[in-house]
Protein backbone atom coordinates (compact mmCIF):
# COMPACT_ATOMS: atom_id res chain seq x y z
CA MET A 1 0.00 0.00 0.00
CA ASN A 2 1.07 3.57 -0.61
CA PHE A 3 -0.07 6.15 1.90
CA PHE A 4 1.19 9.29 0.15
CA ARG A 5 -0.85 11.77 -1.83
CA LYS A 6 -0.58 11.17 -5.57
CA ASN A 7 1.36 14.35 -6.22
CA ILE A 8 3.93 13.48 -3.52
CA LYS A 9 4.32 9.93 -4.83
CA LYS A 10 5.16 11.07 -8.37
CA MET A 11 7.38 14.07 -7.56
CA THR A 12 11.18 14.15 -7.30
CA ALA A 13 12.70 15.55 -4.11
CA TYR A 14 14.94 18.61 -4.16
CA VAL A 15 18.59 17.56 -3.90
CA PRO A 16 20.93 19.96 -2.04
CA GLY A 17 24.55 20.42 -3.08
CA GLU A 18 27.09 17.77 -2.12
CA GLN A 19 28.31 17.96 1.48
CA PRO A 20 31.51 15.91 1.98
CA GLN A 21 31.55 13.77 5.10
CA GLU A 22 35.30 14.04 5.62
CA PRO A 23 37.60 17.06 5.97
CA GLY A 24 40.22 18.30 3.53
CA TYR A 25 38.10 19.48 0.60
CA ILE A 26 38.21 22.91 -0.98
CA LYS A 27 34.48 23.40 -1.07
CA LEU A 28 33.34 25.65 -3.92
CA ASN A 29 30.04 23.96 -4.74
CA THR A 30 27.33 25.34 -2.44
CA ASN A 31 27.99 29.10 -2.35
CA GLU A 32 28.99 29.34 1.29
CA ASN A 33 30.92 32.40 2.38
CA PRO A 34 34.64 31.54 2.70
CA TYR A 35 35.12 33.93 5.62
CA THR A 36 34.18 33.45 9.26
CA PRO A 37 31.12 35.08 10.84
CA SER A 38 31.50 38.19 12.92
CA PRO A 39 33.22 37.54 16.29
CA ARG A 40 30.10 39.04 17.83
CA VAL A 41 28.13 36.04 16.56
CA LEU A 42 30.30 33.52 18.39
CA ALA A 43 30.16 35.59 21.58
CA ALA A 44 26.36 35.85 21.31
CA LEU A 45 26.02 32.10 20.81
CA LYS A 46 28.09 31.36 23.92
CA GLU A 47 25.93 33.70 25.96
CA ALA A 48 22.70 32.25 24.55
CA ALA A 49 23.77 28.65 25.24
CA SER A 50 22.47 28.84 28.79
CA SER A 51 19.68 27.50 30.95
CA SER A 52 17.31 29.72 28.94
CA LEU A 53 17.25 26.96 26.31
CA ARG A 54 14.66 25.20 28.47
CA LEU A 55 12.23 27.96 27.46
CA TYR A 56 10.43 28.31 24.13
CA PRO A 57 11.78 31.07 21.87
CA ASP A 58 9.86 34.23 21.06
CA PRO A 59 7.31 33.03 18.46
CA MET A 60 7.45 36.39 16.65
CA ALA A 61 11.27 36.82 16.80
CA THR A 62 10.50 40.39 17.88
CA GLN A 63 14.05 41.62 18.40
CA VAL A 64 15.19 40.19 15.06
CA ARG A 65 12.28 41.87 13.29
CA LYS A 66 13.28 45.19 14.86
CA LYS A 67 16.94 44.75 13.88
CA VAL A 68 16.10 43.76 10.30
CA ALA A 69 13.82 46.80 10.02
CA GLU A 70 16.59 49.03 11.37
CA VAL A 71 19.23 47.67 8.97
CA LEU A 72 16.98 47.67 5.90
CA GLY A 73 15.11 50.87 6.62
CA THR A 74 11.62 49.43 6.98
CA ARG A 75 9.11 48.68 9.76
CA PRO A 76 9.11 45.58 12.00
CA GLU A 77 5.51 44.92 10.99
CA ARG A 78 6.77 44.35 7.45
CA VAL A 79 9.22 41.63 8.49
CA LEU A 80 8.61 37.91 8.92
CA VAL A 81 11.50 35.80 10.27
CA GLY A 82 11.95 32.20 9.20
CA ASN A 83 14.09 29.12 9.71
CA GLY A 84 16.14 30.07 6.66
CA SER A 85 14.61 31.60 3.55
CA ASP A 86 13.69 28.08 2.43
CA GLU A 87 11.10 27.86 5.21
CA LEU A 88 9.75 31.24 4.15
CA LEU A 89 9.44 29.99 0.57
CA GLY A 90 7.41 27.09 1.93
CA ILE A 91 5.19 29.43 3.93
CA ILE A 92 4.61 31.51 0.79
CA ALA A 93 3.69 28.45 -1.27
CA ARG A 94 1.22 27.26 1.40
CA SER A 95 -0.24 30.74 1.85
CA PHE A 96 -1.00 31.61 -1.76
CA ALA A 97 -1.28 28.45 -3.88
CA GLY A 98 -3.23 25.22 -3.77
CA PRO A 99 -4.12 22.30 -6.05
CA GLY A 100 -4.35 23.34 -9.69
CA ASP A 101 -3.00 26.85 -9.15
CA LYS A 102 -0.16 28.13 -11.34
CA ILE A 103 3.24 28.88 -9.82
CA VAL A 104 5.58 30.55 -12.32
CA PHE A 105 9.38 30.83 -12.38
CA PRO A 106 12.09 31.22 -15.00
CA TYR A 107 14.32 28.33 -15.99
CA PRO A 108 17.05 27.60 -15.05
CA THR A 109 16.74 28.86 -11.48
CA TYR A 110 16.57 27.58 -7.90
CA LEU A 111 14.98 24.15 -8.22
CA LEU A 112 13.20 24.35 -4.87
CA TYR A 113 10.50 26.53 -6.46
CA LYS A 114 9.34 23.60 -8.59
CA THR A 115 9.48 21.25 -5.61
CA LEU A 116 7.28 23.56 -3.55
CA ALA A 117 4.76 23.82 -6.38
CA GLU A 118 4.58 20.04 -6.62
CA ILE A 119 4.13 19.65 -2.86
CA GLN A 120 1.12 21.99 -3.09
CA ASP A 121 -0.20 19.99 -6.07
CA ALA A 122 -0.03 23.26 -7.96
CA ILE A 123 1.01 23.59 -11.60
CA PRO A 124 4.69 24.57 -11.98
CA VAL A 125 5.12 26.79 -15.04
CA GLU A 126 8.73 27.02 -16.22
CA VAL A 127 9.51 29.88 -18.60
CA ASP A 128 12.91 29.56 -20.26
CA PHE A 129 15.39 32.36 -19.81
CA PRO A 130 16.85 33.70 -23.07
CA GLU A 131 20.55 33.06 -23.66
CA ASP A 132 21.58 36.27 -21.86
CA PHE A 133 19.38 35.54 -18.80
CA SER A 134 17.33 38.68 -19.24
CA LEU A 135 13.74 38.61 -18.03
CA PRO A 136 11.77 36.12 -20.17
CA ARG A 137 8.98 37.58 -22.28
CA GLY A 138 6.54 34.85 -21.23
CA ILE A 139 7.02 35.32 -17.49
CA VAL A 140 3.62 37.03 -17.11
CA VAL A 141 1.19 34.11 -16.96
CA LYS A 142 -2.54 34.73 -16.68
CA GLY A 143 -3.99 33.51 -13.41
CA ALA A 144 -0.66 32.74 -11.74
CA LYS A 145 -0.90 32.85 -7.96
CA ILE A 146 2.87 33.11 -7.36
CA THR A 147 5.73 34.25 -9.58
CA PHE A 148 9.21 33.49 -8.24
CA LEU A 149 12.23 35.52 -9.31
CA CYS A 150 15.62 34.62 -7.86
CA ASN A 151 17.57 37.87 -8.24
CA PRO A 152 20.56 37.58 -8.58
CA ASN A 153 19.65 34.30 -10.19
CA SER A 154 21.03 30.93 -9.20
CA PRO A 155 22.78 29.26 -10.96
CA SER A 156 23.66 32.02 -13.46
CA GLY A 157 24.58 34.83 -11.05
CA THR A 158 22.94 37.30 -13.42
CA MET A 159 20.52 40.02 -12.36
CA VAL A 160 17.33 41.64 -13.58
CA TRP A 161 17.47 45.33 -12.70
CA PRO A 162 14.87 46.88 -10.35
CA GLU A 163 13.14 48.92 -13.05
CA GLU A 164 12.25 45.76 -15.00
CA VAL A 165 11.21 43.91 -11.84
CA SER A 166 8.92 46.80 -10.94
CA GLN A 167 7.23 46.54 -14.34
CA LEU A 168 6.78 42.81 -13.79
CA ALA A 169 5.12 43.43 -10.41
CA ARG A 170 2.58 45.69 -12.11
CA GLN A 171 1.81 43.18 -14.85
CA ILE A 172 1.22 39.96 -12.88
CA GLU A 173 -2.03 39.04 -11.12
CA GLY A 174 -0.66 37.24 -8.05
CA VAL A 175 2.27 37.83 -5.73
CA LEU A 176 5.82 38.40 -6.93
CA VAL A 177 8.46 36.76 -4.74
CA ILE A 178 11.89 38.35 -5.22
CA ASP A 179 14.41 35.96 -3.73
CA GLU A 180 17.44 38.12 -2.90
CA ALA A 181 19.58 35.47 -1.19
CA TYR A 182 22.70 36.74 -3.00
CA VAL A 183 21.87 40.43 -3.30
CA ASP A 184 24.46 41.71 -0.80
CA PHE A 185 27.11 40.79 -3.37
CA ALA A 186 25.31 42.77 -6.10
CA ASP A 187 25.41 46.39 -7.23
CA THR A 188 21.75 47.08 -6.40
CA ASN A 189 18.60 45.49 -4.95
CA CYS A 190 14.80 45.57 -5.15
CA LEU A 191 14.00 46.55 -1.55
CA SER A 192 12.25 49.77 -2.63
CA LEU A 193 9.70 47.74 -4.59
CA VAL A 194 8.09 46.55 -1.34
CA GLU A 195 6.96 50.13 -0.73
CA GLU A 196 5.76 50.56 -4.32
CA HIS A 197 3.85 47.30 -4.84
CA PRO A 198 1.38 45.58 -2.47
CA ASN A 199 1.99 42.21 -4.18
CA VAL A 200 5.79 42.08 -3.72
CA LEU A 201 7.48 39.82 -1.18
CA MET A 202 11.25 40.06 -0.84
CA LEU A 203 13.45 37.41 0.76
CA ARG A 204 16.84 37.80 2.43
CA THR A 205 19.06 35.37 4.34
CA VAL A 206 22.09 35.42 6.65
CA SER A 207 23.42 32.22 5.05
CA LYS A 208 25.49 33.79 2.28
CA SER A 209 26.76 37.28 3.02
CA TYR A 210 26.80 36.93 6.82
CA SER A 211 28.61 33.54 6.73
CA LEU A 212 25.86 31.75 8.68
CA ALA A 213 24.73 28.92 6.40
CA GLY A 214 25.09 26.57 9.38
CA LEU A 215 22.39 28.50 11.26
CA ARG A 216 19.04 28.75 9.53
CA LEU A 217 17.71 32.31 9.53
CA GLY A 218 15.97 34.29 6.81
CA PHE A 219 13.63 37.25 6.45
CA CYS A 220 10.62 38.09 4.31
CA ILE A 221 9.84 41.77 3.79
CA ALA A 222 6.41 42.77 2.46
CA GLN A 223 3.55 45.14 3.17
CA GLU A 224 1.60 44.44 6.34
CA PRO A 225 -1.44 42.60 4.85
CA LEU A 226 0.81 39.96 3.29
CA ILE A 227 2.86 39.49 6.47
CA GLU A 228 -0.27 39.26 8.63
CA GLY A 229 -1.71 36.55 6.40
CA MET A 230 1.50 34.53 6.34
CA LEU A 231 1.71 34.63 10.14
CA LYS A 232 -1.34 32.34 10.14
CA VAL A 233 0.64 29.72 8.24
CA LYS A 234 4.04 29.71 9.96
CA ASP A 235 4.86 27.21 12.71
CA SER A 236 4.39 28.48 16.27
CA TYR A 237 8.07 28.53 17.27
CA ASN A 238 9.78 28.40 13.89
CA VAL A 239 13.06 30.10 14.86
CA ASP A 240 15.15 28.85 17.80
CA ARG A 241 16.88 30.95 20.45
CA LEU A 242 20.41 30.33 19.16
CA SER A 243 19.58 31.35 15.59
CA MET A 244 17.93 34.54 16.82
CA ALA A 245 20.93 35.42 18.99
CA ALA A 246 23.35 34.78 16.13
CA GLY A 247 21.25 36.70 13.64
CA LEU A 248 20.99 39.73 15.90
CA ALA A 249 24.75 39.79 16.43
CA ALA A 250 25.49 39.37 12.72
CA LEU A 251 23.12 42.15 11.70
CA ASP A 252 24.63 44.37 14.35
CA ASP A 253 28.11 44.12 12.79
CA GLN A 254 27.70 45.79 9.42
CA GLU A 255 31.40 46.69 9.26
CA HIS A 256 32.35 43.01 9.32
CA LEU A 257 29.81 42.39 6.56
CA ARG A 258 31.18 45.18 4.36
CA THR A 259 34.75 43.94 4.79
CA ASN A 260 33.90 40.40 3.74
CA LEU A 261 31.72 41.53 0.83
CA ALA A 262 34.61 43.58 -0.56
CA LYS A 263 36.91 40.56 -0.37
CA VAL A 264 34.43 38.32 -2.17
CA ARG A 265 33.79 40.87 -4.92
CA GLU A 266 37.52 41.33 -5.51
CA THR A 267 38.13 37.59 -5.74
CA ARG A 268 35.06 37.17 -7.96
CA ALA A 269 36.48 39.66 -10.46
CA TYR A 270 39.86 37.90 -10.46
CA LEU A 271 38.26 34.46 -10.89
CA THR A 272 36.06 35.69 -13.75
CA GLU A 273 38.97 37.26 -15.61
CA SER A 274 41.18 34.20 -15.11
CA LEU A 275 38.52 31.80 -16.39
CA ARG A 276 37.90 33.95 -19.47
CA GLU A 277 41.63 33.97 -20.19
CA MET A 278 41.50 30.16 -20.14
CA GLY A 279 38.86 30.29 -22.87
CA PHE A 280 35.68 29.70 -20.88
CA PHE A 281 32.51 31.72 -21.45
CA VAL A 282 31.71 33.29 -18.06
CA TYR A 283 28.46 35.13 -17.38
CA PRO A 284 28.71 38.46 -15.53
CA SER A 285 28.02 37.61 -11.87
CA GLN A 286 26.29 39.67 -9.21
CA ALA A 287 26.52 36.83 -6.67
CA ASN A 288 29.23 35.02 -4.71
CA PHE A 289 29.79 32.47 -7.48
CA VAL A 290 30.55 32.41 -11.19
CA PHE A 291 28.76 30.47 -13.90
CA LEU A 292 30.59 29.26 -16.99
CA ARG A 293 30.08 27.24 -20.14
CA CYS A 294 32.52 24.64 -21.40
CA GLN A 295 32.95 23.34 -24.94
CA ASP A 296 30.47 20.50 -24.34
CA SER A 297 28.83 18.42 -21.61
CA ARG A 298 31.63 15.84 -21.65
CA THR A 299 34.25 18.52 -20.97
CA ALA A 300 32.20 19.95 -18.09
CA ARG A 301 31.75 16.52 -16.51
CA GLU A 302 35.43 15.67 -16.85
CA ILE A 303 36.52 18.95 -15.27
CA TYR A 304 34.16 18.38 -12.35
CA GLU A 305 35.37 14.81 -11.80
CA GLN A 306 39.06 15.63 -12.12
CA LEU A 307 38.79 18.51 -9.68
CA LYS A 308 36.90 16.30 -7.25
CA SER A 309 39.67 13.70 -7.47
CA GLN A 310 41.98 16.48 -6.26
CA ARG A 311 39.56 17.28 -3.42
CA ILE A 312 38.15 20.43 -4.99
CA LEU A 313 34.36 20.49 -5.20
CA ILE A 314 32.52 22.65 -7.75
CA ARG A 315 29.00 22.19 -9.13
CA HIS A 316 28.31 20.38 -12.40
CA LEU A 317 24.82 21.44 -13.39
CA ASN A 318 23.46 18.40 -15.15
CA TYR A 319 20.08 20.05 -15.82
CA ARG A 320 18.26 20.58 -19.10
CA LYS A 321 20.20 23.12 -21.23
CA LEU A 322 23.01 23.25 -18.65
CA GLU A 323 24.88 20.01 -19.30
CA ASP A 324 27.94 21.97 -20.45
CA CYS A 325 27.91 24.35 -17.48
CA LEU A 326 29.80 24.61 -14.21
CA ARG A 327 29.20 26.81 -11.18
CA ILE A 328 32.09 27.80 -8.92
CA SER A 329 31.64 29.48 -5.54
CA VAL A 330 34.02 32.29 -4.69
CA GLY A 331 36.48 31.03 -2.08
CA THR A 332 39.45 32.63 -0.42
CA PRO A 333 42.26 33.88 -2.71
CA GLU A 334 44.31 30.84 -1.71
CA GLU A 335 41.49 28.43 -2.57
CA ILE A 336 40.89 30.12 -5.92
CA GLU A 337 44.61 30.01 -6.79
CA ARG A 338 44.62 26.28 -6.10
CA LEU A 339 41.50 25.83 -8.22
CA LEU A 340 42.99 27.77 -11.13
CA GLU A 341 46.27 25.83 -10.96
CA CYS A 342 44.40 22.52 -11.18
CA LEU A 343 42.06 23.80 -13.85
CA SER A 344 45.00 25.01 -15.94
CA GLU A 345 46.60 21.56 -15.71
CA ILE A 346 43.34 19.86 -16.67
CA THR A 347 42.73 22.08 -19.70
CA CYS A 348 46.37 21.72 -20.86
CA GLU A 349 46.12 17.93 -20.67
CA ALA A 350 42.85 18.05 -22.58
CA ARG A 351 44.47 20.05 -25.40
CA LYS A 352 47.36 17.58 -25.56
CA GLY A 353 44.89 14.72 -25.80
CA LYS A 354 43.36 16.24 -28.89
């Protein structure tokens, strides 16, 4: 007997990036920040790891909402805190879409959007990006309840500028979810669109720019009616005490954030230039990773496997239309130098083989 709903039985689960179970890898495959969190975070965690853990956390994460509002220049009532932005994406899917409803997103993008649509027994509508990853013409779908836009996009690292996103918000019928997980590494953002459009929800996370992927904390910013409705859907105590303490400390140290962002951007520019000099096509990135095309799918697979044999992990994107693509997270300068040395050897050997 099978006890699952039909849509759950037939769907494929979302598969996160590879997490090695032994030390010694240069890990450039899951877009983690290569630099340590603020020292204030570690101090806050030590203080929070006390007898207070016997008590439930604040169900509204009040202090975090206030700090997010202070940092982003909005109101606490417009902030919803989640157990990572992935939980917030799930809350959004449950809040606005049900069986048979359309959930729209470009392709290729973050694959969790499709998974969430399938869990809801909604209709996932994939609209292919053009070659340059500009906003697809067919992204406005009649009757869509949710339109997801990862911006900067994953896996391409490219960005749709706020003026175009604003036009999209005016054209669609349902809510527009702007997933800004990587936006701190970008030149601009869409935060102002929350004020302009009652159907815009914007997501942020501490995983990437604040170096806290190991603690799950994210934020949704939207006008009050959307936040109030989503509060009905979230779990009672969805964020734990330690995550709230760490998030508060991280948000309170903006100087540490700015320092690390500058390092990542500088290394990103060096990595992009070096890869282009090797002959790869590299898309302009606004994130903490770069996205490149190889000669063919076989070349991409071989590069991935040979780097892995040397304990360097990158991401081979074996998706439709991306079989010849690789994604490389921005590591420390030392990690990137090691990557480039190995990659140079691999490409030289490949040329000799021909």
